[in-house]
């Protein structure tokens, strides 16, 4: 998702939570993306918008549109299932930021 390295062989794929668990992100498939172990470890609890900017700064070519699509899918899932009180404001802020950033690009 972030650096676009193929997760095979020496590059181990991991499950990365778009909305970190410490920010209230659920352990739902809609909140999970494939990331190499390096990206997942270095991202830590950094927001998706901040991490996208950092990936670009490093010269990588992250898929911002895919990140935005995944966040929108999570937003729809939360609307359908309810709950996730802590994740909602964080998710809304990320959707606003990424929508503006990608529109400006």
C-alpha atoms as a PDB file:
ATOM      1  CA  UNK A   1       0.000   0.000   0.000  1.00  0.00           C
ATOM      2  CA  UNK A   2       2.623   2.510   1.046  1.00  0.00           C
ATOM      3  CA  UNK A   3       5.946   1.826  -0.681  1.00  0.00           C
ATOM      4  CA  UNK A   4       4.537  -0.506  -3.345  1.00  0.00           C
ATOM      5  CA  UNK A   5       7.194  -3.149  -2.732  1.00  0.00           C
ATOM      6  CA  UNK A   6       5.905  -6.593  -3.624  1.00  0.00           C
ATOM      7  CA  UNK A   7       5.293  -8.610  -0.472  1.00  0.00           C
ATOM      8  CA  UNK A   8       6.974 -11.871  -1.420  1.00  0.00           C
ATOM      9  CA  UNK A   9      10.219 -13.630  -0.640  1.00  0.00           C
ATOM     10  CA  UNK A  10      12.318 -11.459   1.663  1.00  0.00           C
ATOM     11  CA  UNK A  11       9.698  -8.697   1.880  1.00  0.00           C
ATOM     12  CA  UNK A  12       7.175  -9.882   4.462  1.00  0.00           C
ATOM     13  CA  UNK A  13       3.595  -8.635   4.137  1.00  0.00           C
ATOM     14  CA  UNK A  14       1.722  -7.517   7.244  1.00  0.00           C
ATOM     15  CA  UNK A  15      -1.744  -6.298   8.132  1.00  0.00           C
ATOM     16  CA  UNK A  16      -1.701  -2.551   8.741  1.00  0.00           C
ATOM     17  CA  UNK A  17      -4.637  -0.823  10.431  1.00  0.00           C
ATOM     18  CA  UNK A  18      -5.502   2.410   8.604  1.00  0.00           C
ATOM     19  CA  UNK A  19      -7.103   3.832  11.731  1.00  0.00           C
ATOM     20  CA  UNK A  20      -4.709   2.646  14.438  1.00  0.00           C
ATOM     21  CA  UNK A  21      -6.178   0.627  17.274  1.00  0.00           C
ATOM     22  CA  UNK A  22      -4.955   3.257  19.766  1.00  0.00           C
ATOM     23  CA  UNK A  23      -7.141   5.778  17.898  1.00  0.00           C
ATOM     24  CA  UNK A  24     -10.167   3.504  18.181  1.00  0.00           C
ATOM     25  CA  UNK A  25      -9.728   1.687  14.894  1.00  0.00           C
ATOM     26  CA  UNK A  26     -11.602  -1.612  14.750  1.00  0.00           C
ATOM     27  CA  UNK A  27     -10.078  -4.961  13.870  1.00  0.00           C
ATOM     28  CA  UNK A  28     -12.300  -5.217  10.821  1.00  0.00           C
ATOM     29  CA  UNK A  29     -11.173  -6.194   7.337  1.00  0.00           C
ATOM     30  CA  UNK A  30     -12.304  -2.732   6.148  1.00  0.00           C
ATOM     31  CA  UNK A  31      -9.660  -1.176   8.409  1.00  0.00           C
ATOM     32  CA  UNK A  32      -6.826  -3.413   7.222  1.00  0.00           C
ATOM     33  CA  UNK A  33      -4.477  -3.007   4.278  1.00  0.00           C
ATOM     34  CA  UNK A  34      -1.427  -4.948   3.132  1.00  0.00           C
ATOM     35  CA  UNK A  35       1.850  -3.273   4.014  1.00  0.00           C
ATOM     36  CA  UNK A  36       5.409  -4.498   4.080  1.00  0.00           C
ATOM     37  CA  UNK A  37       6.733  -5.027   7.576  1.00  0.00           C
ATOM     38  CA  UNK A  38       9.087  -2.030   7.251  1.00  0.00           C
ATOM     39  CA  UNK A  39       6.246   0.370   6.385  1.00  0.00           C
ATOM     40  CA  UNK A  40       3.983  -1.025   9.101  1.00  0.00           C
ATOM     41  CA  UNK A  41       6.708  -0.772  11.735  1.00  0.00           C
ATOM     42  CA  UNK A  42       7.884   2.712  10.732  1.00  0.00           C
ATOM     43  CA  UNK A  43       4.371   4.083  10.358  1.00  0.00           C
ATOM     44  CA  UNK A  44       3.438   3.103  13.890  1.00  0.00           C
ATOM     45  CA  UNK A  45       0.472   5.268  14.913  1.00  0.00           C
ATOM     46  CA  UNK A  46       1.072   7.954  12.272  1.00  0.00           C
ATOM     47  CA  UNK A  47      -2.107   8.998  10.489  1.00  0.00           C
ATOM     48  CA  UNK A  48      -2.666   7.810   6.914  1.00  0.00           C
ATOM     49  CA  UNK A  49      -2.384  11.384   5.603  1.00  0.00           C
ATOM     50  CA  UNK A  50       0.876  12.058   7.407  1.00  0.00           C
ATOM     51  CA  UNK A  51       2.324   8.699   6.368  1.00  0.00           C
ATOM     52  CA  UNK A  52       1.390   9.257   2.715  1.00  0.00           C
ATOM     53  CA  UNK A  53       3.267  12.575   2.829  1.00  0.00           C
ATOM     54  CA  UNK A  54       6.265  10.881   4.459  1.00  0.00           C
ATOM     55  CA  UNK A  55       6.268   8.122   1.830  1.00  0.00           C
ATOM     56  CA  UNK A  56       6.281  10.735  -0.930  1.00  0.00           C
ATOM     57  CA  UNK A  57       9.080  12.630   0.832  1.00  0.00           C
ATOM     58  CA  UNK A  58      11.113   9.401   0.802  1.00  0.00           C
ATOM     59  CA  UNK A  59      10.640   9.126  -2.965  1.00  0.00           C
ATOM     60  CA  UNK A  60       8.185   6.253  -2.830  1.00  0.00           C
ATOM     61  CA  UNK A  61       4.979   6.270  -4.839  1.00  0.00           C
ATOM     62  CA  UNK A  62       2.198   5.402  -2.385  1.00  0.00           C
ATOM     63  CA  UNK A  63      -1.271   4.748  -3.746  1.00  0.00           C
ATOM     64  CA  UNK A  64      -3.176   7.668  -2.219  1.00  0.00           C
ATOM     65  CA  UNK A  65      -6.341   6.855  -4.149  1.00  0.00           C
ATOM     66  CA  UNK A  66      -6.352   3.307  -2.733  1.00  0.00           C
ATOM     67  CA  UNK A  67      -5.855   4.642   0.793  1.00  0.00           C
ATOM     68  CA  UNK A  68      -8.762   7.067   0.324  1.00  0.00           C
ATOM     69  CA  UNK A  69     -10.949   4.268  -1.083  1.00  0.00           C
ATOM     70  CA  UNK A  70     -10.118   2.032   1.881  1.00  0.00           C
ATOM     71  CA  UNK A  71     -10.951   4.816   4.346  1.00  0.00           C
ATOM     72  CA  UNK A  72     -14.278   5.400   2.570  1.00  0.00           C
ATOM     73  CA  UNK A  73     -15.052   1.664   2.777  1.00  0.00           C
ATOM     74  CA  UNK A  74     -14.310   1.762   6.511  1.00  0.00           C
ATOM     75  CA  UNK A  75     -16.575   4.797   6.883  1.00  0.00           C
ATOM     76  CA  UNK A  76     -19.420   2.931   5.152  1.00  0.00           C
ATOM     77  CA  UNK A  77     -18.833  -0.144   7.335  1.00  0.00           C
ATOM     78  CA  UNK A  78     -19.012   1.965  10.493  1.00  0.00           C
ATOM     79  CA  UNK A  79     -22.239   3.575   9.246  1.00  0.00           C
ATOM     80  CA  UNK A  80     -23.728   0.124   8.637  1.00  0.00           C
ATOM     81  CA  UNK A  81     -22.522  -1.591  11.817  1.00  0.00           C
ATOM     82  CA  UNK A  82     -22.547   1.349  14.202  1.00  0.00           C
ATOM     83  CA  UNK A  83     -20.322   1.912  17.187  1.00  0.00           C
ATOM     84  CA  UNK A  84     -16.697   2.958  16.843  1.00  0.00           C
ATOM     85  CA  UNK A  85     -17.297   6.239  18.696  1.00  0.00           C
ATOM     86  CA  UNK A  86     -13.562   6.903  19.111  1.00  0.00           C
ATOM     87  CA  UNK A  87     -12.683   6.135  15.492  1.00  0.00           C
ATOM     88  CA  UNK A  88     -15.332   8.332  13.850  1.00  0.00           C
ATOM     89  CA  UNK A  89     -13.751  11.798  14.376  1.00  0.00           C
ATOM     90  CA  UNK A  90     -10.284  10.513  13.465  1.00  0.00           C
ATOM     91  CA  UNK A  91     -11.630   8.860  10.331  1.00  0.00           C
ATOM     92  CA  UNK A  92     -13.614  11.959   9.332  1.00  0.00           C
ATOM     93  CA  UNK A  93     -10.505  14.143   9.671  1.00  0.00           C
ATOM     94  CA  UNK A  94      -8.453  11.735   7.535  1.00  0.00           C
ATOM     95  CA  UNK A  95     -11.146  11.611   4.851  1.00  0.00           C
ATOM     96  CA  UNK A  96     -11.254  15.438   4.715  1.00  0.00           C
ATOM     97  CA  UNK A  97      -7.469  15.737   4.533  1.00  0.00           C
ATOM     98  CA  UNK A  98      -6.932  13.078   1.893  1.00  0.00           C
ATOM     99  CA  UNK A  99      -9.860  14.288  -0.219  1.00  0.00           C
ATOM    100  CA  UNK A 100      -8.353  17.796  -0.270  1.00  0.00           C
ATOM    101  CA  UNK A 101      -4.795  16.570  -0.842  1.00  0.00           C
ATOM    102  CA  UNK A 102      -5.753  14.300  -3.743  1.00  0.00           C
ATOM    103  CA  UNK A 103      -8.007  16.944  -5.313  1.00  0.00           C
ATOM    104  CA  UNK A 104      -5.109  19.427  -5.249  1.00  0.00           C
ATOM    105  CA  UNK A 105      -2.701  16.935  -6.834  1.00  0.00           C
END
